[in-house]
N, C-alpha and C. Protein backbone atom coordinates (compact mmCIF):
# COMPACT_ATOMS: atom_id res chain seq x y z
N MET A 1 94.89 97.04 126.80
CA MET A 1 94.25 97.20 125.10
C MET A 1 96.35 97.09 124.71
N TYR A 2 95.97 96.79 123.10
CA TYR A 2 97.33 96.16 123.16
C TYR A 2 97.66 97.54 122.10
N GLU A 3 98.68 97.68 121.43
CA GLU A 3 99.18 99.07 120.18
C GLU A 3 99.50 98.61 119.22
N ALA A 4 99.55 98.75 118.44
CA ALA A 4 100.17 98.55 116.88
C ALA A 4 100.25 100.03 116.40
N LEU A 5 101.61 100.26 115.50
CA LEU A 5 102.39 101.24 114.82
C LEU A 5 101.99 100.73 113.05
N LEU A 6 101.43 101.01 112.90
CA LEU A 6 101.52 100.43 110.89
C LEU A 6 102.49 102.00 110.40
N LEU A 7 103.28 101.53 109.87
CA LEU A 7 104.49 102.57 108.88
C LEU A 7 104.01 102.68 108.01
N THR A 8 103.67 103.59 106.90
CA THR A 8 103.53 103.17 105.91
C THR A 8 104.47 104.36 104.63
N GLY A 9 104.10 104.57 103.88
CA GLY A 9 104.66 105.10 102.53
C GLY A 9 105.18 104.75 101.49
N VAL A 10 105.80 105.21 100.82
CA VAL A 10 106.02 104.71 99.14
C VAL A 10 107.80 103.68 99.62
N ALA A 11 108.08 103.01 98.80
CA ALA A 11 108.81 102.30 98.68
C ALA A 11 110.21 102.83 98.54
N GLY A 12 111.18 102.41 99.15
CA GLY A 12 112.44 103.29 99.39
C GLY A 12 112.39 103.91 100.86
N VAL A 13 110.97 104.64 101.36
CA VAL A 13 111.27 105.77 101.93
C VAL A 13 112.13 105.51 103.92
N GLY A 14 112.43 103.80 103.96
CA GLY A 14 112.60 103.24 104.95
C GLY A 14 111.66 102.75 105.97
N LYS A 15 110.70 102.21 105.61
CA LYS A 15 109.49 101.92 106.81
C LYS A 15 110.30 99.98 107.43
N SER A 16 111.01 100.00 106.90
CA SER A 16 111.19 98.32 107.24
C SER A 16 112.72 98.79 108.48
N THR A 17 113.45 99.56 107.74
CA THR A 17 114.35 100.26 109.29
C THR A 17 114.26 101.21 110.10
N VAL A 18 113.15 102.37 109.98
CA VAL A 18 112.76 102.07 111.26
C VAL A 18 111.76 101.95 112.07
N ALA A 19 110.99 100.88 111.46
CA ALA A 19 110.29 99.85 112.28
C ALA A 19 111.02 99.12 113.14
N ALA A 20 112.20 98.54 112.62
CA ALA A 20 113.52 97.64 113.17
C ALA A 20 114.26 98.62 114.72
N ALA A 21 114.13 100.24 114.15
CA ALA A 21 114.59 100.51 115.51
C ALA A 21 112.86 101.30 116.29
N ALA A 22 112.33 101.42 116.23
CA ALA A 22 110.79 101.60 117.21
C ALA A 22 111.20 100.30 117.52
N GLY A 23 111.18 98.98 117.05
CA GLY A 23 111.89 98.00 117.98
C GLY A 23 112.46 97.45 119.31
N SER A 24 113.96 98.44 118.96
CA SER A 24 114.87 98.41 119.58
C SER A 24 115.09 99.35 120.55
N VAL A 25 113.92 101.10 120.28
CA VAL A 25 113.71 102.00 121.37
C VAL A 25 113.06 100.57 122.67
N LEU A 26 111.27 100.34 121.67
CA LEU A 26 110.56 99.71 123.75
C LEU A 26 111.32 98.99 123.92
N THR A 27 112.09 98.65 123.01
CA THR A 27 112.67 97.04 124.17
C THR A 27 114.21 97.66 125.06
N LYS A 28 114.50 98.50 124.89
CA LYS A 28 115.11 99.55 126.23
C LYS A 28 114.71 100.11 126.30
N ALA A 29 113.16 100.02 126.59
CA ALA A 29 112.24 100.92 127.87
C ALA A 29 111.85 99.74 128.05
N GLY A 30 111.40 98.46 127.89
CA GLY A 30 110.73 97.40 128.95
C GLY A 30 109.57 97.04 127.97
N HIS A 31 109.28 97.67 127.13
CA HIS A 31 108.03 96.83 126.82
C HIS A 31 108.37 96.04 125.71
N ARG A 32 107.16 95.00 125.86
CA ARG A 32 107.70 93.58 125.11
C ARG A 32 106.62 94.21 123.40
N ASN A 33 106.97 94.06 122.66
CA ASN A 33 107.24 94.41 121.50
C ASN A 33 107.31 92.93 120.31
N ALA A 34 106.94 93.21 119.12
CA ALA A 34 106.74 92.52 118.39
C ALA A 34 107.05 93.06 116.69
N VAL A 35 107.92 93.29 115.84
CA VAL A 35 107.90 94.03 114.59
C VAL A 35 108.01 93.05 113.37
N VAL A 36 106.87 93.50 112.21
CA VAL A 36 106.62 92.54 111.37
C VAL A 36 106.73 93.69 109.87
N ASP A 37 107.74 92.73 108.94
CA ASP A 37 107.99 93.81 107.66
C ASP A 37 106.77 92.40 106.56
N ALA A 38 105.38 93.52 106.98
CA ALA A 38 104.88 92.48 105.92
C ALA A 38 104.75 92.33 104.70
N ASP A 39 105.89 92.45 104.23
CA ASP A 39 106.81 92.46 102.71
C ASP A 39 106.73 90.20 102.78
N ALA A 40 107.47 90.27 103.85
CA ALA A 40 107.98 89.01 103.88
C ALA A 40 105.99 88.45 104.33
N LEU A 41 104.95 88.83 104.34
CA LEU A 41 103.93 88.01 104.51
C LEU A 41 103.46 87.95 103.81
N ALA A 42 103.66 87.82 102.58
CA ALA A 42 103.63 87.48 100.83
C ALA A 42 103.66 87.72 99.86
N GLN A 43 105.02 86.89 100.35
CA GLN A 43 105.62 85.73 99.21
C GLN A 43 104.76 84.83 98.82
N PHE A 44 104.42 84.71 98.10
CA PHE A 44 103.57 83.96 97.27
C PHE A 44 102.97 84.44 96.08
N GLY A 45 103.48 83.50 94.81
CA GLY A 45 103.15 83.90 93.24
C GLY A 45 103.00 82.76 92.48
N PRO A 46 102.36 82.38 91.80
CA PRO A 46 101.91 84.03 90.86
C PRO A 46 100.74 84.37 91.97
N SER A 47 100.97 85.51 91.65
CA SER A 47 99.16 86.39 92.10
C SER A 47 97.68 85.54 91.13
N PRO A 48 96.80 85.47 91.83
CA PRO A 48 95.30 84.81 91.42
C PRO A 48 94.32 85.62 90.12
N GLU A 49 95.50 87.13 90.64
CA GLU A 49 94.45 88.35 89.43
C GLU A 49 93.83 88.62 90.49
N ARG A 50 93.16 88.50 90.99
CA ARG A 50 92.21 89.40 92.07
C ARG A 50 93.41 90.72 93.00
N GLU A 51 92.43 91.65 92.23
CA GLU A 51 92.41 92.89 93.08
C GLU A 51 92.48 93.02 94.57
N HIS A 52 93.44 93.47 95.00
CA HIS A 52 94.20 93.31 96.42
C HIS A 52 94.35 92.07 97.23
N PHE A 53 94.35 91.31 96.46
CA PHE A 53 95.05 90.24 96.98
C PHE A 53 96.00 90.09 98.11
N TYR A 54 97.71 90.49 97.22
CA TYR A 54 98.29 90.88 98.59
C TYR A 54 97.86 91.30 99.70
N ASP A 55 97.63 92.37 99.52
CA ASP A 55 97.19 92.87 100.85
C ASP A 55 95.85 92.20 101.84
N GLU A 56 95.06 91.55 100.87
CA GLU A 56 94.18 90.03 102.36
C GLU A 56 95.08 89.24 102.80
N LEU A 57 96.20 88.49 101.81
CA LEU A 57 97.20 87.71 102.25
C LEU A 57 97.99 88.56 103.21
N LYS A 58 98.75 89.10 103.73
CA LYS A 58 99.37 90.23 104.72
C LYS A 58 98.89 90.58 105.64
N CYS A 59 97.09 90.57 105.31
CA CYS A 59 96.63 90.87 106.94
C CYS A 59 96.02 89.78 107.90
N ALA A 60 95.46 88.63 106.65
CA ALA A 60 95.43 87.31 107.25
C ALA A 60 96.65 86.57 107.62
N ASN A 61 97.45 87.12 107.13
CA ASN A 61 99.27 86.29 107.76
C ASN A 61 99.59 87.43 109.05
N LEU A 62 98.79 88.39 109.22
CA LEU A 62 99.22 89.38 110.32
C LEU A 62 98.51 88.99 110.78
N ALA A 63 97.67 88.97 111.10
CA ALA A 63 96.62 88.05 112.33
C ALA A 63 97.36 86.87 113.12
N ALA A 64 97.34 86.45 111.60
CA ALA A 64 97.91 85.04 112.71
C ALA A 64 99.58 85.19 113.33
N VAL A 65 100.02 85.30 113.32
CA VAL A 65 101.90 86.24 113.76
C VAL A 65 100.97 86.67 114.45
N TRP A 66 100.35 88.24 114.97
CA TRP A 66 100.01 89.04 115.92
C TRP A 66 99.35 87.85 117.28
N ALA A 67 98.55 86.43 116.73
CA ALA A 67 98.07 86.26 117.78
C ALA A 67 99.73 85.65 118.52
N ASN A 68 100.16 85.05 117.83
CA ASN A 68 101.17 84.28 118.31
C ASN A 68 102.31 85.03 119.10
N PHE A 69 102.99 86.68 118.57
CA PHE A 69 103.55 87.66 119.95
C PHE A 69 102.00 87.77 120.42
N ARG A 70 101.78 87.80 120.62
CA ARG A 70 100.18 88.54 121.37
C ARG A 70 100.52 87.19 122.81
N SER A 71 100.59 86.19 121.96
CA SER A 71 100.44 84.99 123.36
C SER A 71 101.64 84.25 124.36
N ALA A 72 102.96 85.33 123.46
CA ALA A 72 104.22 85.17 123.55
C ALA A 72 104.30 86.85 124.82
N GLY A 73 103.56 87.61 125.31
CA GLY A 73 103.41 88.75 125.73
C GLY A 73 103.70 90.04 125.10
N ALA A 74 103.50 89.77 123.85
CA ALA A 74 104.49 91.18 122.90
C ALA A 74 102.20 92.45 123.93
N GLN A 75 103.22 93.50 124.19
CA GLN A 75 102.08 94.42 124.15
C GLN A 75 101.75 95.23 123.08
N TYR A 76 102.91 95.25 122.25
CA TYR A 76 103.00 96.59 121.26
C TYR A 76 103.08 96.02 120.22
N LEU A 77 103.17 96.46 118.46
CA LEU A 77 103.26 95.48 117.39
C LEU A 77 103.79 96.90 116.80
N VAL A 78 104.74 96.53 115.98
CA VAL A 78 104.82 97.79 114.83
C VAL A 78 105.27 96.75 113.45
N VAL A 79 104.42 97.61 112.46
CA VAL A 79 104.12 97.29 111.21
C VAL A 79 104.67 97.46 110.09
N ALA A 80 105.73 97.47 109.15
CA ALA A 80 106.16 98.20 108.04
C ALA A 80 105.48 97.41 107.12
N ASP A 81 104.17 98.58 106.48
CA ASP A 81 103.82 97.83 105.01
C ASP A 81 103.33 99.78 104.61
N SER A 82 103.22 99.42 102.68
CA SER A 82 102.63 100.17 102.03
C SER A 82 101.04 100.06 102.49
N VAL A 83 100.22 100.25 103.56
CA VAL A 83 99.13 100.55 103.77
C VAL A 83 98.24 100.89 102.27
N THR A 84 97.28 100.47 102.03
CA THR A 84 96.57 101.12 101.20
C THR A 84 94.96 101.55 101.91
N THR A 85 94.88 100.82 102.66
CA THR A 85 93.34 100.62 103.09
C THR A 85 93.49 100.29 104.66
N ARG A 86 93.37 101.34 105.90
CA ARG A 86 93.39 101.54 106.70
C ARG A 86 92.71 100.02 107.38
N ALA A 87 90.85 99.77 106.95
CA ALA A 87 89.86 98.32 107.49
C ALA A 87 90.72 97.03 107.68
N LEU A 88 91.58 96.72 106.26
CA LEU A 88 91.87 95.47 106.66
C LEU A 88 92.94 95.31 107.71
N TYR A 89 93.41 96.26 108.60
CA TYR A 89 94.59 96.07 109.40
C TYR A 89 93.22 96.08 110.80
N ALA A 90 92.72 97.13 110.37
CA ALA A 90 92.07 96.54 112.02
C ALA A 90 90.70 95.59 112.38
N ASP A 91 90.45 94.79 110.97
CA ASP A 91 89.70 93.56 111.34
C ASP A 91 90.86 93.00 111.23
N SER A 92 92.35 92.66 111.27
CA SER A 92 93.44 91.72 111.08
C SER A 92 94.00 91.62 112.53
N LEU A 93 93.60 93.04 113.39
CA LEU A 93 94.60 93.16 114.25
C LEU A 93 92.66 94.06 115.41
N PRO A 94 91.95 93.20 115.60
CA PRO A 94 90.97 93.90 116.69
C PRO A 94 90.92 94.11 117.52
N ASP A 95 92.07 93.38 118.33
CA ASP A 95 92.48 93.79 119.27
C ASP A 95 92.95 95.13 120.30
N CYS A 96 93.76 95.61 118.56
CA CYS A 96 95.24 97.18 118.99
C CYS A 96 94.32 97.90 118.34
N ALA A 97 94.59 99.03 119.68
CA ALA A 97 94.97 99.96 118.78
C ALA A 97 95.99 100.93 117.83
N ILE A 98 95.18 101.14 116.75
CA ILE A 98 96.08 101.33 115.62
C ILE A 98 96.57 102.40 115.63
N HIS A 99 97.53 102.88 115.11
CA HIS A 99 97.94 104.28 114.72
C HIS A 99 98.90 104.29 113.69
N LEU A 100 98.59 104.71 112.67
CA LEU A 100 98.69 104.72 110.95
C LEU A 100 100.16 106.50 111.05
N VAL A 101 101.05 106.42 110.45
CA VAL A 101 102.46 107.27 110.52
C VAL A 101 102.43 106.86 109.38
N HIS A 102 102.52 108.29 108.36
CA HIS A 102 103.26 108.04 107.09
C HIS A 102 104.78 108.56 106.84
N LEU A 103 105.96 107.63 106.91
CA LEU A 103 106.83 108.33 106.62
C LEU A 103 106.80 108.84 104.93
N ILE A 104 107.84 110.35 105.03
CA ILE A 104 108.08 110.54 103.54
C ILE A 104 109.55 110.73 103.88
N ALA A 105 110.36 111.13 102.29
CA ALA A 105 111.40 111.44 102.60
C ALA A 105 111.70 112.02 100.99
N ASP A 106 112.73 113.19 100.78
CA ASP A 106 112.73 113.93 99.31
C ASP A 106 112.99 113.01 98.52
N ASP A 107 112.47 113.02 97.62
CA ASP A 107 112.35 111.94 96.26
C ASP A 107 113.98 111.93 95.85
N ASP A 108 114.77 112.60 95.46
CA ASP A 108 116.06 112.10 95.86
C ASP A 108 116.22 110.84 96.62
N THR A 109 116.14 111.11 97.62
CA THR A 109 116.84 110.34 98.40
C THR A 109 116.34 108.68 98.24
N VAL A 110 114.96 108.74 98.09
CA VAL A 110 113.97 107.84 98.05
C VAL A 110 114.48 107.08 96.21
N ARG A 111 114.62 107.73 95.92
CA ARG A 111 115.13 107.22 94.07
C ARG A 111 116.79 106.83 94.42
N ARG A 112 117.56 107.44 95.58
CA ARG A 112 118.84 106.67 95.28
C ARG A 112 118.38 104.94 96.36
N ARG A 113 118.04 105.32 97.07
CA ARG A 113 117.78 103.97 97.84
C ARG A 113 116.97 103.00 97.20
N LEU A 114 115.97 103.22 95.91
CA LEU A 114 114.94 101.87 95.89
C LEU A 114 116.24 101.92 94.30
N ARG A 115 116.71 102.67 93.48
CA ARG A 115 118.50 102.26 92.77
C ARG A 115 119.36 100.96 93.35
N GLN A 116 119.81 101.75 94.31
CA GLN A 116 120.97 100.67 95.62
C GLN A 116 119.96 99.04 95.78
N ARG A 117 118.68 99.08 95.95
CA ARG A 117 118.10 97.72 95.92
C ARG A 117 116.97 96.60 95.05
N ASP A 118 116.81 98.24 93.87
CA ASP A 118 116.12 97.10 92.95
C ASP A 118 116.44 97.60 92.03
N THR A 119 116.07 96.82 91.03
CA THR A 119 116.57 96.87 89.44
C THR A 119 115.58 96.35 88.63
N GLY A 120 115.32 96.57 86.93
CA GLY A 120 113.90 96.36 86.28
C GLY A 120 113.13 96.89 86.37
N PRO A 121 111.91 95.79 85.98
CA PRO A 121 110.52 96.23 86.53
C PRO A 121 110.13 96.47 87.90
N LYS A 122 110.82 96.22 88.84
CA LYS A 122 110.02 96.42 89.88
C LYS A 122 110.86 98.19 90.37
N LEU A 123 112.24 98.14 90.21
CA LEU A 123 112.71 99.69 89.86
C LEU A 123 111.92 100.43 89.10
N GLU A 124 111.59 100.29 88.08
CA GLU A 124 110.31 100.99 87.24
C GLU A 124 108.99 101.16 88.53
N GLN A 125 108.94 100.13 88.84
CA GLN A 125 107.22 100.16 89.13
C GLN A 125 107.27 101.11 90.23
N HIS A 126 108.51 100.92 90.95
CA HIS A 126 108.58 102.04 92.59
C HIS A 126 108.96 103.42 92.10
N LEU A 127 109.85 103.62 91.54
CA LEU A 127 109.46 104.80 90.73
C LEU A 127 108.11 105.13 90.04
N ARG A 128 107.59 104.90 89.38
CA ARG A 128 106.36 105.52 89.02
C ARG A 128 105.45 105.22 90.39
N ALA A 129 105.46 105.14 91.53
CA ALA A 129 104.48 105.24 92.44
C ALA A 129 105.22 106.76 93.33
N LEU A 130 106.68 106.78 92.81
CA LEU A 130 106.68 108.58 93.75
C LEU A 130 105.70 109.09 93.02
N LEU A 131 105.38 109.35 91.59
CA LEU A 131 104.51 110.27 90.49
C LEU A 131 103.13 110.54 91.40
N LYS A 132 102.80 109.40 92.30
CA LYS A 132 101.21 109.30 92.52
C LYS A 132 101.48 109.92 93.98
N PRO A 133 99.80 110.73 94.04
CA PRO A 133 99.59 111.07 95.63
C PRO A 133 99.33 109.79 96.54
N ALA A 134 99.70 110.80 97.78
CA ALA A 134 98.99 109.61 98.84
C ALA A 134 98.24 110.13 99.45
N SER A 135 97.53 108.71 99.76
CA SER A 135 96.21 108.80 100.25
C SER A 135 96.61 109.45 101.99
N PRO A 136 95.35 110.61 102.69
CA PRO A 136 95.58 110.42 103.53
C PRO A 136 95.15 109.92 103.76
N ILE A 137 95.77 108.78 104.22
CA ILE A 137 94.94 107.69 105.95
C ILE A 137 95.63 107.54 106.67
N ASP A 138 96.93 108.20 107.01
CA ASP A 138 97.68 108.86 108.12
C ASP A 138 97.13 109.25 109.44
N ASP A 139 97.44 109.08 110.90
CA ASP A 139 96.97 109.67 111.86
C ASP A 139 98.31 111.03 112.01
N PHE A 140 99.65 110.64 111.26
CA PHE A 140 100.95 112.43 111.08
C PHE A 140 101.67 111.47 110.31
N THR A 141 102.14 112.30 109.98
CA THR A 141 103.49 112.31 109.56
C THR A 141 104.45 112.48 109.81
N VAL A 142 106.05 111.75 109.11
CA VAL A 142 106.79 111.97 110.57
C VAL A 142 108.12 112.00 108.70
N THR A 143 109.15 113.29 108.21
CA THR A 143 110.03 112.94 107.54
C THR A 143 111.11 111.84 107.96
N ASN A 144 111.39 111.24 107.48
CA ASN A 144 112.54 110.01 107.78
C ASN A 144 113.92 110.52 106.56
N ASP A 145 114.56 111.75 107.95
CA ASP A 145 116.02 112.97 107.62
C ASP A 145 116.69 112.41 108.40
N ARG A 146 116.58 111.72 109.45
CA ARG A 146 117.62 111.39 110.24
C ARG A 146 117.90 109.67 110.26
N PRO A 147 119.01 109.99 111.65
CA PRO A 147 119.38 108.61 111.59
C PRO A 147 117.57 107.82 111.88
N ALA A 148 117.78 106.05 111.75
CA ALA A 148 116.51 105.41 111.41
C ALA A 148 116.25 105.90 113.79
N LEU A 149 116.85 105.71 114.45
CA LEU A 149 116.54 105.67 115.89
C LEU A 149 115.79 106.79 115.88
N ALA A 150 116.27 108.09 115.74
CA ALA A 150 116.05 109.11 115.64
C ALA A 150 114.13 109.88 115.44
N VAL A 151 114.26 108.98 114.53
CA VAL A 151 112.76 108.77 113.28
C VAL A 151 112.08 108.00 114.30
N ALA A 152 112.75 107.25 114.76
CA ALA A 152 111.44 106.32 115.70
C ALA A 152 111.24 106.45 117.03
N THR A 153 112.39 107.13 117.62
CA THR A 153 112.28 107.68 118.83
C THR A 153 111.05 109.09 118.91
N GLU A 154 111.36 109.67 117.98
CA GLU A 154 110.16 110.51 117.66
C GLU A 154 108.87 110.07 117.56
N ILE A 155 108.31 109.30 116.93
CA ILE A 155 106.93 108.85 116.58
C ILE A 155 106.94 108.04 117.85
N LEU A 156 107.66 107.60 118.29
CA LEU A 156 106.81 107.21 119.74
C LEU A 156 106.80 107.99 120.54
N VAL A 157 107.97 108.60 120.95
CA VAL A 157 107.09 109.79 121.73
C VAL A 157 105.48 110.55 121.26
N ARG A 158 105.77 110.89 120.43
CA ARG A 158 104.25 111.40 119.95
C ARG A 158 103.48 110.74 120.48
N LEU A 159 103.15 109.22 120.24
CA LEU A 159 102.50 108.12 120.63
C LEU A 159 102.47 108.16 121.85
N GLY A 160 102.98 108.45 122.37
CA GLY A 160 103.51 108.65 123.78
C GLY A 160 103.36 106.79 124.82
N TRP A 161 104.12 106.29 123.57
CA TRP A 161 104.69 104.61 124.48
C TRP A 161 106.10 104.78 124.56
N VAL A 162 107.11 105.83 124.83
CA VAL A 162 108.08 105.69 124.87
C VAL A 162 108.13 105.61 126.69
N ASP A 163 107.49 107.14 127.42
CA ASP A 163 107.49 107.13 128.66
C ASP A 163 106.23 106.37 129.52
N ARG A 164 105.61 105.08 129.05
CA ARG A 164 104.76 104.53 129.51
C ARG A 164 105.18 103.61 130.35
N PRO A 165 104.63 102.92 131.96
CA PRO A 165 105.74 102.25 133.07
C PRO A 165 105.00 100.94 132.04
N THR A 166 106.28 99.80 132.16
CA THR A 166 106.43 98.45 131.87
C THR A 166 104.99 97.98 132.69
């Protein structure tokens, strides 16, 4: 059975950074893995004005990319995305056990990160999203308040992935 870790959370919480660190931890442990920042899978525009268009596009592209990584020998997949529905990912990764981990950080930290990377309407959109409560679709929550390698290691240990034989 293949394993997929979906890291979710608001923009600026550190999903991409922690995903890259998780890939490094898995590689060091000898586990063949792939890391995907799902935002890169939906760089498309203009939007056809259909609800969930970008989520559906990300998941369709993720299914294709995962098939290639799996053919290359990957056993583990780490995905960074703001997951809105687990079912889309389950449909895209039918051969994977899916683990959804919600990353959180204090709002001041997230605001600081967002202001360092975003501007204009995109920044305002991300700041407004901090006011919305998160949907409880995750398996567990981890606070991203340490170096990314420490956060990634905590997640992988909790999943039992680090000590598995290769």
